[in-house]
């Protein structure tokens, strides 16, 4: 009876921990969960089986996974996955009537050089989501968290106007857990609101660009340095308002300010929620350039907006 209990516990750990090393190194495993919504699973356009689906005898390699719901009103989901020898990849997906209302998590694993450590990597759609891993400081995605305590660890990925994803993973020594999260919008009303904000931001960006060009022309040539450009744009009255982030530092809700656009940029400091900074420019990836205490800094457009 003790051996039977041990086998059952191992099986449950493999199913619910995200993904774990399998016994057969020459095969890969894939599990697809659609929360009770009947769907068809395709690999490279080849029909495999209905959900809930699990198979530990798949040839390792890169595949295009497609989840096609049986319901005609639900949209399908398609993504690239890598099935590695001896490892189980788990896909949990919430199907909906529109792509922006669909979401889920993909768990994969890859070996790392260290045989004494475990790591977790988080990639999210949209970028810049707040990642809270058990026992670690909150971070913005994408991020790789090193020195993770082996065993079960809870995590939560959140973003304003999106449904949070909160699960438990099993960190394994010598492996990096790859967690890919696609957040679903809360509802159609929130989607329309976001689209309106995007159009407003685009209009504001065009206005600032024209102001910059005009200021540059009045100086009979290119401006000598960015400080002049900063002063010209500041005079236009546009500012960046820091929105709620649910990220706290020293008891204050703040947003990271980086030296370069992107989540990998060097950290300059923290901008308190509710504060405003002179607006300089915006990237196509929705990062705002601000005058941060006399320095050029960048903040994610997910947690900031242009105001007069």
C-alpha atoms as a PDB file:
ATOM      1  CA  UNK A   1       0.000   0.000   0.000  1.00  0.00           C
ATOM      2  CA  UNK A   2       2.897   2.416   0.726  1.00  0.00           C
ATOM      3  CA  UNK A   3       4.297   1.864  -2.792  1.00  0.00           C
ATOM      4  CA  UNK A   4       0.849   2.415  -4.292  1.00  0.00           C
ATOM      5  CA  UNK A   5       0.483   5.724  -2.437  1.00  0.00           C
ATOM      6  CA  UNK A   6       3.972   6.778  -3.571  1.00  0.00           C
ATOM      7  CA  UNK A   7       3.169   6.067  -7.234  1.00  0.00           C
ATOM      8  CA  UNK A   8      -0.124   7.992  -7.007  1.00  0.00           C
ATOM      9  CA  UNK A   9       1.643  10.988  -5.419  1.00  0.00           C
ATOM     10  CA  UNK A  10       4.263  11.033  -8.191  1.00  0.00           C
ATOM     11  CA  UNK A  11       1.588  10.892 -10.880  1.00  0.00           C
ATOM     12  CA  UNK A  12      -0.350  13.773  -9.311  1.00  0.00           C
ATOM     13  CA  UNK A  13       2.862  15.838  -9.051  1.00  0.00           C
ATOM     14  CA  UNK A  14       3.571  15.406 -12.772  1.00  0.00           C
ATOM     15  CA  UNK A  15       0.047  16.378 -13.770  1.00  0.00           C
ATOM     16  CA  UNK A  16      -0.370  19.497 -11.658  1.00  0.00           C
ATOM     17  CA  UNK A  17       3.106  20.949 -11.126  1.00  0.00           C
ATOM     18  CA  UNK A  18       3.325  22.546 -14.552  1.00  0.00           C
ATOM     19  CA  UNK A  19       5.885  20.147 -16.000  1.00  0.00           C
ATOM     20  CA  UNK A  20       8.383  17.667 -14.619  1.00  0.00           C
ATOM     21  CA  UNK A  21      11.159  15.401 -15.916  1.00  0.00           C
ATOM     22  CA  UNK A  22       9.731  12.214 -17.377  1.00  0.00           C
ATOM     23  CA  UNK A  23      11.272   8.790 -17.088  1.00  0.00           C
ATOM     24  CA  UNK A  24      11.775   8.175 -20.815  1.00  0.00           C
ATOM     25  CA  UNK A  25      14.470  10.492 -22.151  1.00  0.00           C
ATOM     26  CA  UNK A  26      13.755   9.510 -25.764  1.00  0.00           C
ATOM     27  CA  UNK A  27      10.155  10.790 -25.656  1.00  0.00           C
ATOM     28  CA  UNK A  28       8.385  14.036 -24.833  1.00  0.00           C
ATOM     29  CA  UNK A  29       5.082  14.718 -23.131  1.00  0.00           C
ATOM     30  CA  UNK A  30       2.272  17.162 -23.840  1.00  0.00           C
ATOM     31  CA  UNK A  31      -0.822  17.938 -21.795  1.00  0.00           C
ATOM     32  CA  UNK A  32      -3.588  20.311 -22.943  1.00  0.00           C
ATOM     33  CA  UNK A  33      -6.311  21.476 -20.569  1.00  0.00           C
ATOM     34  CA  UNK A  34      -9.229  23.649 -21.702  1.00  0.00           C
ATOM     35  CA  UNK A  35     -11.218  23.875 -18.465  1.00  0.00           C
ATOM     36  CA  UNK A  36     -14.002  21.538 -19.533  1.00  0.00           C
ATOM     37  CA  UNK A  37     -14.534  23.088 -22.985  1.00  0.00           C
ATOM     38  CA  UNK A  38     -14.411  20.300 -25.586  1.00  0.00           C
ATOM     39  CA  UNK A  39     -11.721  21.074 -28.156  1.00  0.00           C
ATOM     40  CA  UNK A  40      -9.533  19.375 -30.763  1.00  0.00           C
ATOM     41  CA  UNK A  41      -5.740  19.319 -30.450  1.00  0.00           C
ATOM     42  CA  UNK A  42      -3.590  19.689 -33.584  1.00  0.00           C
ATOM     43  CA  UNK A  43       0.194  19.427 -33.930  1.00  0.00           C
ATOM     44  CA  UNK A  44       1.548  20.848 -37.197  1.00  0.00           C
ATOM     45  CA  UNK A  45      -2.020  20.818 -38.592  1.00  0.00           C
ATOM     46  CA  UNK A  46      -2.409  17.107 -37.787  1.00  0.00           C
ATOM     47  CA  UNK A  47      -5.367  16.186 -35.601  1.00  0.00           C
ATOM     48  CA  UNK A  48      -4.242  14.373 -32.437  1.00  0.00           C
ATOM     49  CA  UNK A  49      -7.093  14.044 -29.963  1.00  0.00           C
ATOM     50  CA  UNK A  50      -9.822  15.814 -28.001  1.00  0.00           C
ATOM     51  CA  UNK A  51      -9.215  17.651 -24.744  1.00  0.00           C
ATOM     52  CA  UNK A  52      -8.500  16.945 -21.959  1.00  0.00           C
ATOM     53  CA  UNK A  53      -5.390  15.585 -23.646  1.00  0.00           C
ATOM     54  CA  UNK A  54      -2.155  14.048 -22.369  1.00  0.00           C
ATOM     55  CA  UNK A  55       0.459  11.985 -24.208  1.00  0.00           C
ATOM     56  CA  UNK A  56       3.966  11.128 -23.028  1.00  0.00           C
ATOM     57  CA  UNK A  57       5.066   9.356 -26.194  1.00  0.00           C
ATOM     58  CA  UNK A  58       5.570  12.281 -28.593  1.00  0.00           C
ATOM     59  CA  UNK A  59       8.749  12.749 -30.603  1.00  0.00           C
ATOM     60  CA  UNK A  60      10.806  15.698 -29.259  1.00  0.00           C
ATOM     61  CA  UNK A  61      10.971  18.806 -31.430  1.00  0.00           C
ATOM     62  CA  UNK A  62       9.296  22.101 -32.297  1.00  0.00           C
ATOM     63  CA  UNK A  63       5.614  22.040 -33.178  1.00  0.00           C
ATOM     64  CA  UNK A  64       2.746  24.378 -33.974  1.00  0.00           C
ATOM     65  CA  UNK A  65       0.035  23.654 -31.439  1.00  0.00           C
ATOM     66  CA  UNK A  66      -3.549  24.522 -32.307  1.00  0.00           C
ATOM     67  CA  UNK A  67      -6.517  24.255 -29.978  1.00  0.00           C
ATOM     68  CA  UNK A  68      -9.774  24.264 -31.933  1.00  0.00           C
ATOM     69  CA  UNK A  69     -12.913  24.520 -29.742  1.00  0.00           C
ATOM     70  CA  UNK A  70     -15.984  22.557 -30.774  1.00  0.00           C
ATOM     71  CA  UNK A  71     -18.220  25.540 -30.073  1.00  0.00           C
ATOM     72  CA  UNK A  72     -18.715  27.679 -33.213  1.00  0.00           C
ATOM     73  CA  UNK A  73     -18.740  30.919 -31.203  1.00  0.00           C
ATOM     74  CA  UNK A  74     -15.313  30.349 -29.629  1.00  0.00           C
ATOM     75  CA  UNK A  75     -12.031  31.334 -31.275  1.00  0.00           C
ATOM     76  CA  UNK A  76      -9.159  28.894 -31.705  1.00  0.00           C
ATOM     77  CA  UNK A  77      -5.656  29.343 -30.306  1.00  0.00           C
ATOM     78  CA  UNK A  78      -2.377  28.652 -32.079  1.00  0.00           C
ATOM     79  CA  UNK A  79       1.211  28.885 -30.786  1.00  0.00           C
ATOM     80  CA  UNK A  80       4.701  27.435 -31.158  1.00  0.00           C
ATOM     81  CA  UNK A  81       5.876  24.934 -28.543  1.00  0.00           C
ATOM     82  CA  UNK A  82       9.099  23.004 -27.995  1.00  0.00           C
ATOM     83  CA  UNK A  83       8.797  19.444 -26.701  1.00  0.00           C
ATOM     84  CA  UNK A  84      12.046  18.427 -25.028  1.00  0.00           C
ATOM     85  CA  UNK A  85      13.229  14.845 -24.367  1.00  0.00           C
ATOM     86  CA  UNK A  86      12.070  13.480 -21.045  1.00  0.00           C
ATOM     87  CA  UNK A  87       9.956  16.530 -20.171  1.00  0.00           C
ATOM     88  CA  UNK A  88       6.245  17.246 -20.008  1.00  0.00           C
ATOM     89  CA  UNK A  89       4.879  20.488 -21.504  1.00  0.00           C
ATOM     90  CA  UNK A  90       1.542  21.627 -20.093  1.00  0.00           C
ATOM     91  CA  UNK A  91      -0.867  24.058 -21.763  1.00  0.00           C
ATOM     92  CA  UNK A  92      -3.862  25.401 -19.851  1.00  0.00           C
ATOM     93  CA  UNK A  93      -6.144  27.590 -21.927  1.00  0.00           C
ATOM     94  CA  UNK A  94      -9.350  29.551 -21.403  1.00  0.00           C
ATOM     95  CA  UNK A  95     -11.319  29.750 -24.652  1.00  0.00           C
ATOM     96  CA  UNK A  96     -13.529  32.744 -25.405  1.00  0.00           C
ATOM     97  CA  UNK A  97     -15.475  34.426 -28.189  1.00  0.00           C
ATOM     98  CA  UNK A  98     -12.715  36.953 -28.904  1.00  0.00           C
ATOM     99  CA  UNK A  99      -8.892  36.589 -28.891  1.00  0.00           C
ATOM    100  CA  UNK A 100      -8.396  39.388 -26.361  1.00  0.00           C
ATOM    101  CA  UNK A 101     -10.758  37.644 -23.942  1.00  0.00           C
ATOM    102  CA  UNK A 102      -8.829  34.352 -24.208  1.00  0.00           C
ATOM    103  CA  UNK A 103      -5.843  33.523 -22.046  1.00  0.00           C
ATOM    104  CA  UNK A 104      -3.828  30.832 -20.377  1.00  0.00           C
ATOM    105  CA  UNK A 105      -0.436  29.521 -19.353  1.00  0.00           C
ATOM    106  CA  UNK A 106       2.152  27.329 -21.077  1.00  0.00           C
ATOM    107  CA  UNK A 107       4.642  25.482 -18.865  1.00  0.00           C
ATOM    108  CA  UNK A 108       7.873  24.187 -20.368  1.00  0.00           C
ATOM    109  CA  UNK A 109      11.282  23.240 -18.990  1.00  0.00           C
ATOM    110  CA  UNK A 110      14.868  23.347 -20.155  1.00  0.00           C
ATOM    111  CA  UNK A 111      18.084  22.152 -18.484  1.00  0.00           C
ATOM    112  CA  UNK A 112      20.541  24.718 -17.111  1.00  0.00           C
ATOM    113  CA  UNK A 113      24.276  24.388 -16.490  1.00  0.00           C
ATOM    114  CA  UNK A 114      23.974  24.448 -12.712  1.00  0.00           C
ATOM    115  CA  UNK A 115      23.078  21.118 -11.109  1.00  0.00           C
ATOM    116  CA  UNK A 116      22.350  22.737  -7.759  1.00  0.00           C
ATOM    117  CA  UNK A 117      19.973  25.542  -8.705  1.00  0.00           C
ATOM    118  CA  UNK A 118      16.524  25.987 -10.198  1.00  0.00           C
ATOM    119  CA  UNK A 119      15.202  28.967 -12.166  1.00  0.00           C
ATOM    120  CA  UNK A 120      11.885  30.279 -13.449  1.00  0.00           C
ATOM    121  CA  UNK A 121      11.422  32.415 -16.575  1.00  0.00           C
ATOM    122  CA  UNK A 122       8.271  34.484 -17.122  1.00  0.00           C
ATOM    123  CA  UNK A 123       7.166  35.813 -20.513  1.00  0.00           C
ATOM    124  CA  UNK A 124       3.794  37.520 -20.772  1.00  0.00           C
ATOM    125  CA  UNK A 125       1.385  38.932 -23.324  1.00  0.00           C
ATOM    126  CA  UNK A 126       1.102  41.844 -22.939  1.00  0.00           C
ATOM    127  CA  UNK A 127       4.647  42.674 -21.881  1.00  0.00           C
ATOM    128  CA  UNK A 128       5.266  44.396 -18.570  1.00  0.00           C
ATOM    129  CA  UNK A 129       2.910  42.357 -16.382  1.00  0.00           C
ATOM    130  CA  UNK A 130       3.599  42.175 -12.647  1.00  0.00           C
ATOM    131  CA  UNK A 131       5.131  38.847 -11.631  1.00  0.00           C
ATOM    132  CA  UNK A 132       4.974  37.757  -7.995  1.00  0.00           C
ATOM    133  CA  UNK A 133       6.800  34.502  -7.215  1.00  0.00           C
ATOM    134  CA  UNK A 134       6.664  33.007  -3.752  1.00  0.00           C
ATOM    135  CA  UNK A 135       9.472  34.370  -1.592  1.00  0.00           C
ATOM    136  CA  UNK A 136      10.754  36.793  -4.239  1.00  0.00           C
ATOM    137  CA  UNK A 137      10.399  40.524  -4.895  1.00  0.00           C
ATOM    138  CA  UNK A 138       7.816  41.475  -7.504  1.00  0.00           C
ATOM    139  CA  UNK A 139       9.177  41.999 -11.008  1.00  0.00           C
ATOM    140  CA  UNK A 140       7.955  43.098 -14.426  1.00  0.00           C
ATOM    141  CA  UNK A 141       7.955  40.602 -17.284  1.00  0.00           C
ATOM    142  CA  UNK A 142       9.877  39.382 -19.146  1.00  0.00           C
ATOM    143  CA  UNK A 143      12.121  38.233 -16.313  1.00  0.00           C
ATOM    144  CA  UNK A 144      14.266  35.266 -15.295  1.00  0.00           C
ATOM    145  CA  UNK A 145      14.274  34.572 -11.564  1.00  0.00           C
ATOM    146  CA  UNK A 146      17.307  32.645 -10.344  1.00  0.00           C
ATOM    147  CA  UNK A 147      17.972  30.725  -7.112  1.00  0.00           C
ATOM    148  CA  UNK A 148      14.358  29.605  -6.823  1.00  0.00           C
ATOM    149  CA  UNK A 149      13.638  27.259  -3.936  1.00  0.00           C
ATOM    150  CA  UNK A 150      13.149  23.746  -5.355  1.00  0.00           C
ATOM    151  CA  UNK A 151       9.679  22.310  -4.923  1.00  0.00           C
ATOM    152  CA  UNK A 152       6.257  23.872  -5.101  1.00  0.00           C
ATOM    153  CA  UNK A 153       6.131  27.652  -5.490  1.00  0.00           C
ATOM    154  CA  UNK A 154       3.047  29.812  -5.951  1.00  0.00           C
ATOM    155  CA  UNK A 155       3.080  32.616  -8.512  1.00  0.00           C
ATOM    156  CA  UNK A 156       0.707  35.304  -9.712  1.00  0.00           C
ATOM    157  CA  UNK A 157       0.828  37.339 -12.922  1.00  0.00           C
ATOM    158  CA  UNK A 158      -1.370  40.439 -12.942  1.00  0.00           C
ATOM    159  CA  UNK A 159      -2.058  43.598 -14.899  1.00  0.00           C
ATOM    160  CA  UNK A 160      -4.782  46.236 -14.559  1.00  0.00           C
ATOM    161  CA  UNK A 161      -7.845  45.492 -16.735  1.00  0.00           C
ATOM    162  CA  UNK A 162      -6.735  41.864 -17.206  1.00  0.00           C
ATOM    163  CA  UNK A 163      -7.616  38.639 -15.412  1.00  0.00           C
ATOM    164  CA  UNK A 164      -4.834  37.516 -13.084  1.00  0.00           C
ATOM    165  CA  UNK A 165      -3.217  34.101 -13.424  1.00  0.00           C
ATOM    166  CA  UNK A 166      -2.397  32.463 -10.082  1.00  0.00           C
ATOM    167  CA  UNK A 167      -0.951  28.939 -10.017  1.00  0.00           C
ATOM    168  CA  UNK A 168       1.584  26.638  -8.387  1.00  0.00           C
ATOM    169  CA  UNK A 169       4.691  25.347 -10.161  1.00  0.00           C
ATOM    170  CA  UNK A 170       7.212  22.714  -9.202  1.00  0.00           C
ATOM    171  CA  UNK A 171      10.760  24.074  -9.486  1.00  0.00           C
ATOM    172  CA  UNK A 172      13.273  21.314 -10.226  1.00  0.00           C
ATOM    173  CA  UNK A 173      17.009  21.456  -9.493  1.00  0.00           C
ATOM    174  CA  UNK A 174      19.048  21.706 -12.683  1.00  0.00           C
ATOM    175  CA  UNK A 175      16.139  23.046 -14.750  1.00  0.00           C
ATOM    176  CA  UNK A 176      14.602  26.351 -15.736  1.00  0.00           C
ATOM    177  CA  UNK A 177      10.819  26.462 -15.718  1.00  0.00           C
ATOM    178  CA  UNK A 178       9.555  28.449 -18.726  1.00  0.00           C
ATOM    179  CA  UNK A 179       6.222  30.062 -17.921  1.00  0.00           C
ATOM    180  CA  UNK A 180       4.482  31.807 -20.832  1.00  0.00           C
ATOM    181  CA  UNK A 181       1.354  33.691 -19.817  1.00  0.00           C
ATOM    182  CA  UNK A 182      -1.253  35.280 -22.082  1.00  0.00           C
ATOM    183  CA  UNK A 183      -3.534  37.462 -19.983  1.00  0.00           C
ATOM    184  CA  UNK A 184      -7.202  37.778 -20.906  1.00  0.00           C
ATOM    185  CA  UNK A 185      -8.930  41.127 -20.762  1.00  0.00           C
ATOM    186  CA  UNK A 186     -11.606  41.488 -18.114  1.00  0.00           C
ATOM    187  CA  UNK A 187     -14.391  42.232 -20.606  1.00  0.00           C
ATOM    188  CA  UNK A 188     -15.431  43.857 -23.846  1.00  0.00           C
ATOM    189  CA  UNK A 189     -16.042  47.181 -22.113  1.00  0.00           C
ATOM    190  CA  UNK A 190     -12.452  47.270 -20.901  1.00  0.00           C
ATOM    191  CA  UNK A 191     -11.260  46.361 -24.407  1.00  0.00           C
ATOM    192  CA  UNK A 192     -13.096  49.300 -25.947  1.00  0.00           C
ATOM    193  CA  UNK A 193     -11.718  51.612 -23.280  1.00  0.00           C
ATOM    194  CA  UNK A 194      -8.175  50.481 -24.011  1.00  0.00           C
ATOM    195  CA  UNK A 195      -8.654  50.999 -27.759  1.00  0.00           C
ATOM    196  CA  UNK A 196      -9.876  54.548 -27.080  1.00  0.00           C
ATOM    197  CA  UNK A 197      -6.821  55.269 -24.924  1.00  0.00           C
ATOM    198  CA  UNK A 198      -4.533  53.946 -27.651  1.00  0.00           C
ATOM    199  CA  UNK A 199      -6.095  56.306 -30.214  1.00  0.00           C
ATOM    200  CA  UNK A 200      -5.751  59.222 -27.789  1.00  0.00           C
ATOM    201  CA  UNK A 201      -2.102  58.382 -27.127  1.00  0.00           C
ATOM    202  CA  UNK A 202      -1.452  58.173 -30.875  1.00  0.00           C
ATOM    203  CA  UNK A 203      -3.012  61.610 -31.414  1.00  0.00           C
ATOM    204  CA  UNK A 204      -0.953  63.081 -28.568  1.00  0.00           C
ATOM    205  CA  UNK A 205       2.208  61.550 -30.008  1.00  0.00           C
ATOM    206  CA  UNK A 206       1.601  63.201 -33.386  1.00  0.00           C
ATOM    207  CA  UNK A 207       1.082  66.552 -31.663  1.00  0.00           C
ATOM    208  CA  UNK A 208       4.357  66.232 -29.756  1.00  0.00           C
ATOM    209  CA  UNK A 209       6.235  65.173 -32.894  1.00  0.00           C
ATOM    210  CA  UNK A 210       4.958  68.261 -34.717  1.00  0.00           C
ATOM    211  CA  UNK A 211       5.922  70.492 -31.792  1.00  0.00           C
ATOM    212  CA  UNK A 212       9.422  69.027 -31.787  1.00  0.00           C
ATOM    213  CA  UNK A 213       9.844  69.559 -35.538  1.00  0.00           C
ATOM    214  CA  UNK A 214       8.605  73.151 -35.220  1.00  0.00           C
ATOM    215  CA  UNK A 215      10.980  73.888 -32.347  1.00  0.00           C
ATOM    216  CA  UNK A 216      13.865  72.397 -34.262  1.00  0.00           C
ATOM    217  CA  UNK A 217      13.101  74.500 -37.369  1.00  0.00           C
ATOM    218  CA  UNK A 218      13.059  77.783 -35.424  1.00  0.00           C
ATOM    219  CA  UNK A 219      16.631  77.136 -34.348  1.00  0.00           C
ATOM    220  CA  UNK A 220      17.801  77.061 -38.004  1.00  0.00           C
ATOM    221  CA  UNK A 221      19.069  73.503 -37.940  1.00  0.00           C
ATOM    222  CA  UNK A 222      19.358  70.536 -35.634  1.00  0.00           C
ATOM    223  CA  UNK A 223      19.416  71.154 -31.906  1.00  0.00           C
ATOM    224  CA  UNK A 224      22.796  70.629 -30.314  1.00  0.00           C
ATOM    225  CA  UNK A 225      21.719  68.220 -27.588  1.00  0.00           C
ATOM    226  CA  UNK A 226      18.697  66.485 -26.139  1.00  0.00           C
ATOM    227  CA  UNK A 227      18.429  68.961 -23.246  1.00  0.00           C
ATOM    228  CA  UNK A 228      17.172  71.591 -25.711  1.00  0.00           C
ATOM    229  CA  UNK A 229      14.616  69.120 -27.101  1.00  0.00           C
ATOM    230  CA  UNK A 230      13.447  68.331 -23.568  1.00  0.00           C
ATOM    231  CA  UNK A 231      12.825  72.017 -22.816  1.00  0.00           C
ATOM    232  CA  UNK A 232      10.930  72.567 -26.090  1.00  0.00           C
ATOM    233  CA  UNK A 233       8.602  69.624 -25.496  1.00  0.00           C
ATOM    234  CA  UNK A 234       8.070  70.466 -21.827  1.00  0.00           C
ATOM    235  CA  UNK A 235       6.719  73.845 -22.912  1.00  0.00           C
ATOM    236  CA  UNK A 236       3.944  72.051 -24.850  1.00  0.00           C
ATOM    237  CA  UNK A 237       2.329  71.111 -21.540  1.00  0.00           C
ATOM    238  CA  UNK A 238       2.125  67.331 -22.097  1.00  0.00           C
ATOM    239  CA  UNK A 239       2.877  65.147 -19.086  1.00  0.00           C
ATOM    240  CA  UNK A 240       2.942  61.477 -18.183  1.00  0.00           C
ATOM    241  CA  UNK A 241       0.707  60.347 -15.322  1.00  0.00           C
ATOM    242  CA  UNK A 242       1.848  57.223 -13.450  1.00  0.00           C
ATOM    243  CA  UNK A 243      -1.121  54.858 -13.079  1.00  0.00           C
ATOM    244  CA  UNK A 244      -1.686  52.155 -10.413  1.00  0.00           C
ATOM    245  CA  UNK A 245       0.748  49.237 -10.675  1.00  0.00           C
ATOM    246  CA  UNK A 246       0.083  47.107  -7.594  1.00  0.00           C
ATOM    247  CA  UNK A 247       3.883  47.117  -7.179  1.00  0.00           C
ATOM    248  CA  UNK A 248       5.197  48.459  -3.860  1.00  0.00           C
ATOM    249  CA  UNK A 249       8.638  49.631  -2.787  1.00  0.00           C
ATOM    250  CA  UNK A 250       9.251  50.786   0.798  1.00  0.00           C
ATOM    251  CA  UNK A 251       5.518  50.895   1.382  1.00  0.00           C
ATOM    252  CA  UNK A 252       4.750  53.065  -1.672  1.00  0.00           C
ATOM    253  CA  UNK A 253       3.040  52.018  -4.899  1.00  0.00           C
ATOM    254  CA  UNK A 254       5.533  52.821  -7.646  1.00  0.00           C
ATOM    255  CA  UNK A 255       6.591  52.208 -11.258  1.00  0.00           C
ATOM    256  CA  UNK A 256      10.152  51.398 -12.319  1.00  0.00           C
ATOM    257  CA  UNK A 257      11.901  54.033 -14.414  1.00  0.00           C
ATOM    258  CA  UNK A 258      14.581  52.718 -16.760  1.00  0.00           C
ATOM    259  CA  UNK A 259      17.471  54.327 -18.630  1.00  0.00           C
ATOM    260  CA  UNK A 260      16.444  52.629 -21.883  1.00  0.00           C
ATOM    261  CA  UNK A 261      13.077  51.624 -23.314  1.00  0.00           C
ATOM    262  CA  UNK A 262      12.201  48.003 -22.522  1.00  0.00           C
ATOM    263  CA  UNK A 263      11.987  45.853 -19.400  1.00  0.00           C
ATOM    264  CA  UNK A 264      15.707  45.052 -19.655  1.00  0.00           C
ATOM    265  CA  UNK A 265      16.813  48.681 -19.356  1.00  0.00           C
ATOM    266  CA  UNK A 266      18.976  49.845 -16.460  1.00  0.00           C
ATOM    267  CA  UNK A 267      16.889  50.929 -13.487  1.00  0.00           C
ATOM    268  CA  UNK A 268      17.044  54.665 -12.704  1.00  0.00           C
ATOM    269  CA  UNK A 269      14.603  54.722  -9.835  1.00  0.00           C
ATOM    270  CA  UNK A 270      10.925  54.552  -8.938  1.00  0.00           C
ATOM    271  CA  UNK A 271       8.107  56.919  -9.892  1.00  0.00           C
ATOM    272  CA  UNK A 272       5.287  57.056  -7.297  1.00  0.00           C
ATOM    273  CA  UNK A 273       1.792  56.279  -8.563  1.00  0.00           C
ATOM    274  CA  UNK A 274      -0.197  59.469  -9.170  1.00  0.00           C
ATOM    275  CA  UNK A 275       2.815  61.667  -9.964  1.00  0.00           C
ATOM    276  CA  UNK A 276       3.340  63.435 -13.296  1.00  0.00           C
ATOM    277  CA  UNK A 277       6.495  63.918 -15.381  1.00  0.00           C
ATOM    278  CA  UNK A 278       7.213  65.932 -18.552  1.00  0.00           C
ATOM    279  CA  UNK A 279       6.554  63.844 -21.652  1.00  0.00           C
ATOM    280  CA  UNK A 280       9.319  63.542 -24.257  1.00  0.00           C
ATOM    281  CA  UNK A 281       8.469  60.816 -26.755  1.00  0.00           C
ATOM    282  CA  UNK A 282       6.972  57.356 -27.257  1.00  0.00           C
ATOM    283  CA  UNK A 283       8.231  54.137 -28.879  1.00  0.00           C
ATOM    284  CA  UNK A 284       6.242  51.769 -31.069  1.00  0.00           C
ATOM    285  CA  UNK A 285       6.422  49.260 -28.195  1.00  0.00           C
ATOM    286  CA  UNK A 286       4.427  51.711 -26.006  1.00  0.00           C
ATOM    287  CA  UNK A 287       7.252  52.971 -23.770  1.00  0.00           C
ATOM    288  CA  UNK A 288       7.171  56.650 -22.721  1.00  0.00           C
ATOM    289  CA  UNK A 289      10.286  58.813 -22.462  1.00  0.00           C
ATOM    290  CA  UNK A 290      10.003  61.245 -19.521  1.00  0.00           C
ATOM    291  CA  UNK A 291      12.057  63.917 -17.796  1.00  0.00           C
ATOM    292  CA  UNK A 292      12.755  62.005 -14.590  1.00  0.00           C
ATOM    293  CA  UNK A 293      14.289  64.410 -12.075  1.00  0.00           C
ATOM    294  CA  UNK A 294      16.386  66.040 -14.779  1.00  0.00           C
ATOM    295  CA  UNK A 295      17.304  62.782 -16.506  1.00  0.00           C
ATOM    296  CA  UNK A 296      15.899  61.010 -19.544  1.00  0.00           C
ATOM    297  CA  UNK A 297      13.950  57.987 -18.279  1.00  0.00           C
ATOM    298  CA  UNK A 298      11.555  55.410 -19.723  1.00  0.00           C
ATOM    299  CA  UNK A 299       8.347  53.952 -18.276  1.00  0.00           C
ATOM    300  CA  UNK A 300       5.984  51.300 -19.603  1.00  0.00           C
ATOM    301  CA  UNK A 301       2.886  52.670 -21.327  1.00  0.00           C
ATOM    302  CA  UNK A 302       0.880  49.927 -19.630  1.00  0.00           C
ATOM    303  CA  UNK A 303       1.116  51.873 -16.366  1.00  0.00           C
ATOM    304  CA  UNK A 304       1.269  55.429 -17.693  1.00  0.00           C
ATOM    305  CA  UNK A 305      -0.776  57.804 -19.825  1.00  0.00           C
ATOM    306  CA  UNK A 306      -0.415  61.213 -21.476  1.00  0.00           C
ATOM    307  CA  UNK A 307      -2.264  64.090 -19.799  1.00  0.00           C
ATOM    308  CA  UNK A 308      -2.384  67.860 -20.262  1.00  0.00           C
END
